[in-house]
């Protein structure tokens, strides 16, 4: 059964509106689109979360010099995602959804150890613990709707950059 008030009835009961979603992501707003989304299309999809998207990108640029943005679509079924880099190094992936966005960090072993030792919110640590492991690192995925998550996301970006 879905969490109370959650827009997707197929999601587990532990997932509630406004919380970070662990291992269950919202679908991209740009599935099966032949070209990258425009800023206007991203704003329309995100709704009020566009301000959070913009603030996170602005903070990454100002605080960490993470300024390279590149739209990528690895599969039409997966939709478009924004690859956010500092020079050639990918720091985070952002995928616009309806009324929010997915965030994906690939963290190596050192970064995972540092993240677990930092004072991240419990819901973020749970997401890290549930994240799948790949040859290139652990794929921590979060869903964001409000600005309350920006501080933790910036901390994860700082950890990624330091490790």
Protein backbone atom coordinates (compact mmCIF):
# COMPACT_ATOMS: atom_id res chain seq x y z
CA UNK A 1 0.00 0.00 0.00
CA UNK A 2 1.26 3.49 -0.77
CA UNK A 3 2.20 6.08 1.78
CA UNK A 4 -0.59 8.46 2.81
CA UNK A 5 -1.11 11.15 0.22
CA UNK A 6 1.61 9.87 -2.09
CA UNK A 7 0.81 10.41 -5.78
CA UNK A 8 2.03 6.97 -6.86
CA UNK A 9 -0.02 4.12 -5.32
CA UNK A 10 2.60 1.57 -6.41
CA UNK A 11 5.24 2.88 -4.00
CA UNK A 12 5.81 1.18 -0.62
CA UNK A 13 4.07 2.43 2.52
CA UNK A 14 7.33 3.79 3.98
CA UNK A 15 7.49 6.38 1.21
CA UNK A 16 5.56 9.53 2.09
CA UNK A 17 5.08 12.81 0.29
CA UNK A 18 7.97 15.21 0.86
CA UNK A 19 10.40 12.63 2.22
CA UNK A 20 13.57 11.46 0.59
CA UNK A 21 12.74 8.33 -1.36
CA UNK A 22 15.06 5.40 -0.81
CA UNK A 23 15.65 3.15 -3.85
CA UNK A 24 12.33 4.18 -5.48
CA UNK A 25 12.61 7.08 -7.86
CA UNK A 26 9.98 9.15 -9.59
CA UNK A 27 10.00 8.83 -13.38
CA UNK A 28 11.70 11.53 -15.39
CA UNK A 29 9.45 14.21 -16.83
CA UNK A 30 11.37 13.85 -20.10
CA UNK A 31 11.00 10.20 -21.07
CA UNK A 32 10.89 9.45 -24.82
CA UNK A 33 11.76 13.05 -25.76
CA UNK A 34 14.10 13.38 -28.77
CA UNK A 35 15.87 16.56 -27.60
CA UNK A 36 17.10 17.90 -24.26
CA UNK A 37 14.54 19.93 -22.30
CA UNK A 38 14.54 23.70 -22.40
CA UNK A 39 14.67 25.75 -19.21
CA UNK A 40 10.98 26.56 -19.71
CA UNK A 41 10.12 22.84 -19.99
CA UNK A 42 12.13 22.08 -16.83
CA UNK A 43 10.33 24.90 -15.00
CA UNK A 44 6.93 23.59 -16.13
CA UNK A 45 7.75 20.05 -14.97
CA UNK A 46 9.28 21.02 -11.64
CA UNK A 47 6.67 23.58 -10.65
CA UNK A 48 7.57 25.10 -7.26
CA UNK A 49 10.60 22.79 -7.00
CA UNK A 50 12.27 24.78 -9.82
CA UNK A 51 13.45 27.29 -7.19
CA UNK A 52 15.09 24.42 -5.26
CA UNK A 53 16.71 23.09 -8.49
CA UNK A 54 18.07 26.56 -9.31
CA UNK A 55 19.31 27.18 -5.75
CA UNK A 56 21.14 23.85 -5.61
CA UNK A 57 22.87 24.49 -8.95
CA UNK A 58 23.74 28.07 -7.93
CA UNK A 59 25.17 26.89 -4.60
CA UNK A 60 27.25 24.18 -6.32
CA UNK A 61 28.67 26.80 -8.68
CA UNK A 62 29.38 29.41 -6.01
CA UNK A 63 30.69 27.17 -3.24
CA UNK A 64 32.44 24.40 -5.19
CA UNK A 65 33.07 25.76 -8.71
CA UNK A 66 30.82 23.03 -10.12
CA UNK A 67 29.71 24.86 -13.24
CA UNK A 68 29.52 22.46 -16.18
CA UNK A 69 25.98 21.32 -17.05
CA UNK A 70 25.32 18.77 -19.76
CA UNK A 71 22.01 17.11 -20.63
CA UNK A 72 22.35 13.36 -21.25
CA UNK A 73 19.89 10.68 -22.27
CA UNK A 74 21.28 7.16 -21.92
CA UNK A 75 17.95 5.57 -22.81
CA UNK A 76 14.68 7.00 -24.13
CA UNK A 77 12.89 5.04 -21.38
CA UNK A 78 15.05 6.66 -18.71
CA UNK A 79 14.60 10.20 -19.94
CA UNK A 80 16.92 13.18 -19.83
CA UNK A 81 19.16 13.97 -16.85
CA UNK A 82 21.47 16.89 -16.17
CA UNK A 83 25.07 15.83 -15.61
CA UNK A 84 26.69 18.38 -13.29
CA UNK A 85 30.49 18.50 -13.36
CA UNK A 86 33.53 20.35 -12.13
CA UNK A 87 35.79 20.31 -15.17
CA UNK A 88 35.69 16.68 -16.37
CA UNK A 89 34.56 15.14 -13.08
CA UNK A 90 30.87 14.31 -12.65
CA UNK A 91 29.65 15.40 -9.23
CA UNK A 92 25.91 14.75 -9.40
CA UNK A 93 23.08 13.88 -11.80
CA UNK A 94 19.73 15.72 -11.62
CA UNK A 95 16.61 14.35 -13.28
CA UNK A 96 13.52 16.58 -13.44
CA UNK A 97 10.25 14.93 -12.47
CA UNK A 98 6.75 16.23 -12.02
CA UNK A 99 6.89 18.56 -8.98
CA UNK A 100 10.39 17.54 -7.88
CA UNK A 101 13.66 16.06 -9.05
CA UNK A 102 15.84 13.01 -8.56
CA UNK A 103 19.44 13.44 -7.44
CA UNK A 104 22.08 10.75 -7.97
CA UNK A 105 25.58 10.69 -6.52
CA UNK A 106 28.07 7.93 -7.34
CA UNK A 107 30.31 7.71 -4.28
CA UNK A 108 33.52 5.70 -4.02
CA UNK A 109 34.47 3.76 -0.89
CA UNK A 110 36.34 6.68 0.72
CA UNK A 111 33.44 9.04 0.05
CA UNK A 112 30.96 6.52 1.50
CA UNK A 113 33.06 6.23 4.67
CA UNK A 114 33.25 10.02 4.94
CA UNK A 115 29.50 10.37 4.36
CA UNK A 116 28.69 7.85 7.08
CA UNK A 117 31.01 9.70 9.50
CA UNK A 118 29.49 13.10 8.71
CA UNK A 119 26.42 14.47 10.40
CA UNK A 120 23.96 13.84 7.57
CA UNK A 121 20.24 13.51 8.35
CA UNK A 122 19.08 9.98 9.16
CA UNK A 123 17.00 9.78 5.97
CA UNK A 124 20.11 10.51 3.88
CA UNK A 125 22.17 7.89 5.73
CA UNK A 126 19.35 5.38 5.15
CA UNK A 127 19.43 6.21 1.44
CA UNK A 128 23.19 5.62 1.40
CA UNK A 129 22.81 2.31 3.22
CA UNK A 130 20.14 1.14 0.75
CA UNK A 131 22.02 2.34 -2.34
CA UNK A 132 23.16 -0.20 -4.94
CA UNK A 133 26.88 -0.77 -5.47
CA UNK A 134 28.42 -0.54 -8.92
CA UNK A 135 32.04 -0.96 -10.11
CA UNK A 136 32.42 2.85 -10.15
CA UNK A 137 30.90 3.32 -6.67
CA UNK A 138 27.70 3.35 -4.65
CA UNK A 139 24.73 4.95 -6.41
CA UNK A 140 23.00 7.11 -3.81
CA UNK A 141 19.64 8.32 -5.12
CA UNK A 142 17.33 10.84 -3.52
CA UNK A 143 14.12 12.59 -4.50
CA UNK A 144 13.88 16.30 -3.70
CA UNK A 145 10.88 18.62 -3.55
CA UNK A 146 11.80 21.26 -0.98
CA UNK A 147 14.81 23.36 -0.02
CA UNK A 148 15.21 21.52 3.31
CA UNK A 149 17.42 18.96 1.53
CA UNK A 150 19.87 21.44 -0.04
CA UNK A 151 22.23 21.48 2.95
CA UNK A 152 22.58 17.68 2.96
CA UNK A 153 22.99 17.60 -0.83
CA UNK A 154 25.76 20.20 -0.63
CA UNK A 155 27.45 18.15 2.10
CA UNK A 156 27.33 15.09 -0.17
CA UNK A 157 28.80 17.16 -3.03
CA UNK A 158 31.62 18.37 -0.74
CA UNK A 159 32.33 14.78 0.31
CA UNK A 160 32.36 13.64 -3.31
CA UNK A 161 34.77 16.43 -4.25
CA UNK A 162 37.09 15.71 -1.31
CA UNK A 163 37.27 12.00 -2.01
